[in-house]
């Protein structure tokens, strides 16, 4: 007489869940994690409660589908929210403020960027001359030289232009 194999079905559900978790560790897109949870909750849970095999499969599929369409998008959104691209290296220099640290001679001088780095600088074409201590903005990077242009002057505190700026608005 053959043994009833459905009494060992819980082992199959457990193995299936472990396989799904291993695949999830390789893909990292939360699909197989939802399938593993469906296998554990639906298949293994119903099996331990004594449900028939067809009910185990049905509930495992339903729980997996429910998790795939509800929890997975939330997890993906949370994962991608924290990975907004931030400019690094040379890309981070464009538009960065600087202060002229040495006078420009023949269009070349030195600036200290707002990140603390000292760079050789060239004046942008048709830019007004800059002197030591003047504020500038990086407009281009050419190798180890930055191209700078005069920064827009900041409005004096209490002036009408300062009160119209969006940073100081109380809306």
C-alpha atoms as a PDB file:
ATOM      1  CA  UNK A   1       0.000   0.000   0.000  1.00  0.00           C
ATOM      2  CA  UNK A   2       1.323   3.448  -0.986  1.00  0.00           C
ATOM      3  CA  UNK A   3       1.587   6.213   1.619  1.00  0.00           C
ATOM      4  CA  UNK A   4      -0.610   9.280   1.277  1.00  0.00           C
ATOM      5  CA  UNK A   5       1.810  11.883  -0.140  1.00  0.00           C
ATOM      6  CA  UNK A   6      -0.446  14.803   0.739  1.00  0.00           C
ATOM      7  CA  UNK A   7       0.615  14.475   4.371  1.00  0.00           C
ATOM      8  CA  UNK A   8       4.124  15.561   3.285  1.00  0.00           C
ATOM      9  CA  UNK A   9       2.902  18.497   1.202  1.00  0.00           C
ATOM     10  CA  UNK A  10       4.065  20.941   3.863  1.00  0.00           C
ATOM     11  CA  UNK A  11       7.666  20.056   2.966  1.00  0.00           C
ATOM     12  CA  UNK A  12       7.005  20.975  -0.672  1.00  0.00           C
ATOM     13  CA  UNK A  13       5.547  24.357   0.364  1.00  0.00           C
ATOM     14  CA  UNK A  14       8.535  25.061   2.581  1.00  0.00           C
ATOM     15  CA  UNK A  15      11.031  24.103  -0.149  1.00  0.00           C
ATOM     16  CA  UNK A  16       9.132  26.231  -2.685  1.00  0.00           C
ATOM     17  CA  UNK A  17       9.220  29.238  -0.340  1.00  0.00           C
ATOM     18  CA  UNK A  18      12.977  28.824   0.229  1.00  0.00           C
ATOM     19  CA  UNK A  19      13.587  28.581  -3.534  1.00  0.00           C
ATOM     20  CA  UNK A  20      11.547  31.764  -4.074  1.00  0.00           C
ATOM     21  CA  UNK A  21      13.560  33.588  -1.401  1.00  0.00           C
ATOM     22  CA  UNK A  22      16.847  32.501  -3.004  1.00  0.00           C
ATOM     23  CA  UNK A  23      15.660  33.707  -6.424  1.00  0.00           C
ATOM     24  CA  UNK A  24      14.531  36.985  -4.828  1.00  0.00           C
ATOM     25  CA  UNK A  25      18.003  37.520  -3.386  1.00  0.00           C
ATOM     26  CA  UNK A  26      19.348  37.297  -6.943  1.00  0.00           C
ATOM     27  CA  UNK A  27      16.738  39.528  -8.629  1.00  0.00           C
ATOM     28  CA  UNK A  28      15.885  42.097  -5.901  1.00  0.00           C
ATOM     29  CA  UNK A  29      12.583  43.191  -7.397  1.00  0.00           C
ATOM     30  CA  UNK A  30      10.177  41.876  -4.722  1.00  0.00           C
ATOM     31  CA  UNK A  31       8.307  39.551  -7.122  1.00  0.00           C
ATOM     32  CA  UNK A  32       9.608  36.256  -5.770  1.00  0.00           C
ATOM     33  CA  UNK A  33       9.398  37.568  -2.217  1.00  0.00           C
ATOM     34  CA  UNK A  34       5.636  37.972  -2.685  1.00  0.00           C
ATOM     35  CA  UNK A  35       5.428  34.452  -4.149  1.00  0.00           C
ATOM     36  CA  UNK A  36       7.371  33.089  -1.171  1.00  0.00           C
ATOM     37  CA  UNK A  37       5.014  34.846   1.234  1.00  0.00           C
ATOM     38  CA  UNK A  38       2.023  33.455  -0.660  1.00  0.00           C
ATOM     39  CA  UNK A  39       3.523  29.965  -0.447  1.00  0.00           C
ATOM     40  CA  UNK A  40       4.086  30.260   3.276  1.00  0.00           C
ATOM     41  CA  UNK A  41       0.793  31.920   4.178  1.00  0.00           C
ATOM     42  CA  UNK A  42      -1.499  30.168   1.741  1.00  0.00           C
ATOM     43  CA  UNK A  43       0.126  26.816   1.139  1.00  0.00           C
ATOM     44  CA  UNK A  44       1.892  26.027   4.374  1.00  0.00           C
ATOM     45  CA  UNK A  45      -0.700  27.760   6.558  1.00  0.00           C
ATOM     46  CA  UNK A  46      -3.684  25.955   5.062  1.00  0.00           C
ATOM     47  CA  UNK A  47      -1.749  22.671   5.087  1.00  0.00           C
ATOM     48  CA  UNK A  48      -1.029  22.970   8.796  1.00  0.00           C
ATOM     49  CA  UNK A  49      -4.724  23.689   9.396  1.00  0.00           C
ATOM     50  CA  UNK A  50      -5.597  20.488   7.570  1.00  0.00           C
ATOM     51  CA  UNK A  51      -7.014  21.937   4.344  1.00  0.00           C
ATOM     52  CA  UNK A  52      -7.123  19.891   1.123  1.00  0.00           C
ATOM     53  CA  UNK A  53      -4.312  20.305  -1.470  1.00  0.00           C
ATOM     54  CA  UNK A  54      -6.515  22.162  -3.976  1.00  0.00           C
ATOM     55  CA  UNK A  55      -7.461  24.735  -1.328  1.00  0.00           C
ATOM     56  CA  UNK A  56      -3.781  25.171  -0.437  1.00  0.00           C
ATOM     57  CA  UNK A  57      -2.913  25.919  -4.076  1.00  0.00           C
ATOM     58  CA  UNK A  58      -5.891  28.249  -4.482  1.00  0.00           C
ATOM     59  CA  UNK A  59      -5.143  30.282  -1.339  1.00  0.00           C
ATOM     60  CA  UNK A  60      -1.384  30.388  -2.076  1.00  0.00           C
ATOM     61  CA  UNK A  61      -2.125  31.782  -5.552  1.00  0.00           C
ATOM     62  CA  UNK A  62      -4.659  34.291  -4.221  1.00  0.00           C
ATOM     63  CA  UNK A  63      -2.353  35.544  -1.444  1.00  0.00           C
ATOM     64  CA  UNK A  64       0.580  35.803  -3.867  1.00  0.00           C
ATOM     65  CA  UNK A  65      -1.505  37.798  -6.372  1.00  0.00           C
ATOM     66  CA  UNK A  66      -2.839  40.046  -3.625  1.00  0.00           C
ATOM     67  CA  UNK A  67       0.682  40.767  -2.354  1.00  0.00           C
ATOM     68  CA  UNK A  68       2.032  41.308  -5.885  1.00  0.00           C
ATOM     69  CA  UNK A  69      -0.577  43.935  -6.685  1.00  0.00           C
ATOM     70  CA  UNK A  70      -0.790  45.685  -3.300  1.00  0.00           C
ATOM     71  CA  UNK A  71       2.403  45.428  -1.241  1.00  0.00           C
ATOM     72  CA  UNK A  72       5.005  45.132  -4.040  1.00  0.00           C
ATOM     73  CA  UNK A  73       4.239  48.553  -5.627  1.00  0.00           C
ATOM     74  CA  UNK A  74       4.504  50.205  -2.206  1.00  0.00           C
ATOM     75  CA  UNK A  75       7.852  48.540  -1.530  1.00  0.00           C
ATOM     76  CA  UNK A  76       9.193  49.509  -4.974  1.00  0.00           C
ATOM     77  CA  UNK A  77       8.073  53.118  -4.518  1.00  0.00           C
ATOM     78  CA  UNK A  78       9.783  53.314  -1.124  1.00  0.00           C
ATOM     79  CA  UNK A  79      12.933  51.748  -2.553  1.00  0.00           C
ATOM     80  CA  UNK A  80      13.130  54.140  -5.511  1.00  0.00           C
ATOM     81  CA  UNK A  81      12.243  57.210  -3.451  1.00  0.00           C
ATOM     82  CA  UNK A  82      15.504  56.893  -1.550  1.00  0.00           C
ATOM     83  CA  UNK A  83      17.587  56.510  -4.710  1.00  0.00           C
ATOM     84  CA  UNK A  84      17.091  59.911  -6.327  1.00  0.00           C
ATOM     85  CA  UNK A  85      20.100  60.675  -8.510  1.00  0.00           C
ATOM     86  CA  UNK A  86      22.476  63.207  -7.027  1.00  0.00           C
ATOM     87  CA  UNK A  87      25.120  64.793  -9.218  1.00  0.00           C
ATOM     88  CA  UNK A  88      28.623  63.754  -8.237  1.00  0.00           C
ATOM     89  CA  UNK A  89      32.166  64.556  -9.276  1.00  0.00           C
ATOM     90  CA  UNK A  90      32.325  67.027 -12.178  1.00  0.00           C
ATOM     91  CA  UNK A  91      28.528  67.038 -12.656  1.00  0.00           C
ATOM     92  CA  UNK A  92      28.126  68.481  -9.150  1.00  0.00           C
ATOM     93  CA  UNK A  93      30.281  71.506 -10.024  1.00  0.00           C
ATOM     94  CA  UNK A  94      27.951  73.035 -12.642  1.00  0.00           C
ATOM     95  CA  UNK A  95      26.085  75.956 -11.098  1.00  0.00           C
ATOM     96  CA  UNK A  96      28.085  75.774  -7.847  1.00  0.00           C
ATOM     97  CA  UNK A  97      28.963  79.058  -6.219  1.00  0.00           C
ATOM     98  CA  UNK A  98      32.535  80.190  -5.785  1.00  0.00           C
ATOM     99  CA  UNK A  99      34.547  83.074  -4.353  1.00  0.00           C
ATOM    100  CA  UNK A 100      37.477  84.539  -6.261  1.00  0.00           C
ATOM    101  CA  UNK A 101      40.654  83.913  -4.244  1.00  0.00           C
ATOM    102  CA  UNK A 102      43.259  85.371  -6.629  1.00  0.00           C
ATOM    103  CA  UNK A 103      42.927  88.159  -9.166  1.00  0.00           C
ATOM    104  CA  UNK A 104      42.269  87.226 -12.790  1.00  0.00           C
ATOM    105  CA  UNK A 105      45.215  87.960 -15.068  1.00  0.00           C
ATOM    106  CA  UNK A 106      44.649  87.525 -18.811  1.00  0.00           C
ATOM    107  CA  UNK A 107      41.285  85.899 -18.022  1.00  0.00           C
ATOM    108  CA  UNK A 108      42.735  83.268 -15.645  1.00  0.00           C
ATOM    109  CA  UNK A 109      42.677  83.202 -11.859  1.00  0.00           C
ATOM    110  CA  UNK A 110      41.783  81.059  -8.857  1.00  0.00           C
ATOM    111  CA  UNK A 111      38.470  80.464  -7.117  1.00  0.00           C
ATOM    112  CA  UNK A 112      37.470  78.598  -3.981  1.00  0.00           C
ATOM    113  CA  UNK A 113      34.292  76.646  -4.663  1.00  0.00           C
ATOM    114  CA  UNK A 114      31.531  76.439  -2.081  1.00  0.00           C
ATOM    115  CA  UNK A 115      32.577  72.836  -1.407  1.00  0.00           C
ATOM    116  CA  UNK A 116      35.997  74.133  -0.234  1.00  0.00           C
ATOM    117  CA  UNK A 117      38.073  73.109  -3.262  1.00  0.00           C
ATOM    118  CA  UNK A 118      40.524  75.541  -4.866  1.00  0.00           C
ATOM    119  CA  UNK A 119      40.347  75.555  -8.693  1.00  0.00           C
ATOM    120  CA  UNK A 120      42.067  77.328 -11.540  1.00  0.00           C
ATOM    121  CA  UNK A 121      39.407  79.429 -13.222  1.00  0.00           C
ATOM    122  CA  UNK A 122      38.770  81.213 -16.484  1.00  0.00           C
ATOM    123  CA  UNK A 123      36.261  83.984 -16.993  1.00  0.00           C
ATOM    124  CA  UNK A 124      33.287  83.087 -19.139  1.00  0.00           C
ATOM    125  CA  UNK A 125      33.213  84.890 -22.515  1.00  0.00           C
ATOM    126  CA  UNK A 126      31.697  88.359 -22.208  1.00  0.00           C
ATOM    127  CA  UNK A 127      31.726  88.114 -18.385  1.00  0.00           C
ATOM    128  CA  UNK A 128      32.397  91.198 -16.294  1.00  0.00           C
ATOM    129  CA  UNK A 129      35.813  91.248 -14.606  1.00  0.00           C
ATOM    130  CA  UNK A 130      36.050  89.733 -11.146  1.00  0.00           C
ATOM    131  CA  UNK A 131      38.321  90.702  -8.292  1.00  0.00           C
ATOM    132  CA  UNK A 132      39.412  88.870  -5.130  1.00  0.00           C
ATOM    133  CA  UNK A 133      36.444  88.212  -2.827  1.00  0.00           C
ATOM    134  CA  UNK A 134      33.814  88.514  -5.588  1.00  0.00           C
ATOM    135  CA  UNK A 135      31.162  85.812  -5.877  1.00  0.00           C
ATOM    136  CA  UNK A 136      31.013  83.704  -9.046  1.00  0.00           C
ATOM    137  CA  UNK A 137      29.123  80.718 -10.440  1.00  0.00           C
ATOM    138  CA  UNK A 138      30.657  77.765 -12.294  1.00  0.00           C
ATOM    139  CA  UNK A 139      29.344  77.655 -15.864  1.00  0.00           C
ATOM    140  CA  UNK A 140      31.600  74.927 -17.327  1.00  0.00           C
ATOM    141  CA  UNK A 141      34.370  72.509 -16.404  1.00  0.00           C
ATOM    142  CA  UNK A 142      37.288  72.001 -18.781  1.00  0.00           C
ATOM    143  CA  UNK A 143      39.710  69.482 -17.360  1.00  0.00           C
ATOM    144  CA  UNK A 144      41.240  70.981 -14.224  1.00  0.00           C
ATOM    145  CA  UNK A 145      39.866  74.453 -14.961  1.00  0.00           C
ATOM    146  CA  UNK A 146      36.411  75.825 -14.232  1.00  0.00           C
ATOM    147  CA  UNK A 147      34.778  78.576 -16.225  1.00  0.00           C
ATOM    148  CA  UNK A 148      33.063  81.128 -14.018  1.00  0.00           C
ATOM    149  CA  UNK A 149      30.746  84.068 -14.456  1.00  0.00           C
ATOM    150  CA  UNK A 150      29.813  86.719 -11.915  1.00  0.00           C
ATOM    151  CA  UNK A 151      27.086  85.560  -9.543  1.00  0.00           C
ATOM    152  CA  UNK A 152      23.851  87.500  -9.378  1.00  0.00           C
ATOM    153  CA  UNK A 153      24.093  89.884  -6.427  1.00  0.00           C
ATOM    154  CA  UNK A 154      22.104  88.874  -3.383  1.00  0.00           C
ATOM    155  CA  UNK A 155      19.474  91.424  -2.331  1.00  0.00           C
ATOM    156  CA  UNK A 156      20.230  93.283   0.871  1.00  0.00           C
ATOM    157  CA  UNK A 157      18.181  92.143   3.894  1.00  0.00           C
ATOM    158  CA  UNK A 158      15.095  94.294   4.332  1.00  0.00           C
ATOM    159  CA  UNK A 159      15.078  95.519   0.712  1.00  0.00           C
ATOM    160  CA  UNK A 160      11.890  95.055  -1.361  1.00  0.00           C
ATOM    161  CA  UNK A 161      13.654  92.502  -3.598  1.00  0.00           C
ATOM    162  CA  UNK A 162      14.602  90.424  -0.542  1.00  0.00           C
ATOM    163  CA  UNK A 163      11.018  90.299   0.728  1.00  0.00           C
ATOM    164  CA  UNK A 164       9.756  89.120  -2.682  1.00  0.00           C
ATOM    165  CA  UNK A 165      12.107  86.129  -2.823  1.00  0.00           C
ATOM    166  CA  UNK A 166      10.406  82.723  -2.538  1.00  0.00           C
ATOM    167  CA  UNK A 167      12.729  81.566   0.264  1.00  0.00           C
ATOM    168  CA  UNK A 168      11.461  84.283   2.597  1.00  0.00           C
ATOM    169  CA  UNK A 169       7.813  84.035   1.599  1.00  0.00           C
ATOM    170  CA  UNK A 170       5.336  83.226   4.391  1.00  0.00           C
ATOM    171  CA  UNK A 171       2.555  81.823   2.144  1.00  0.00           C
END
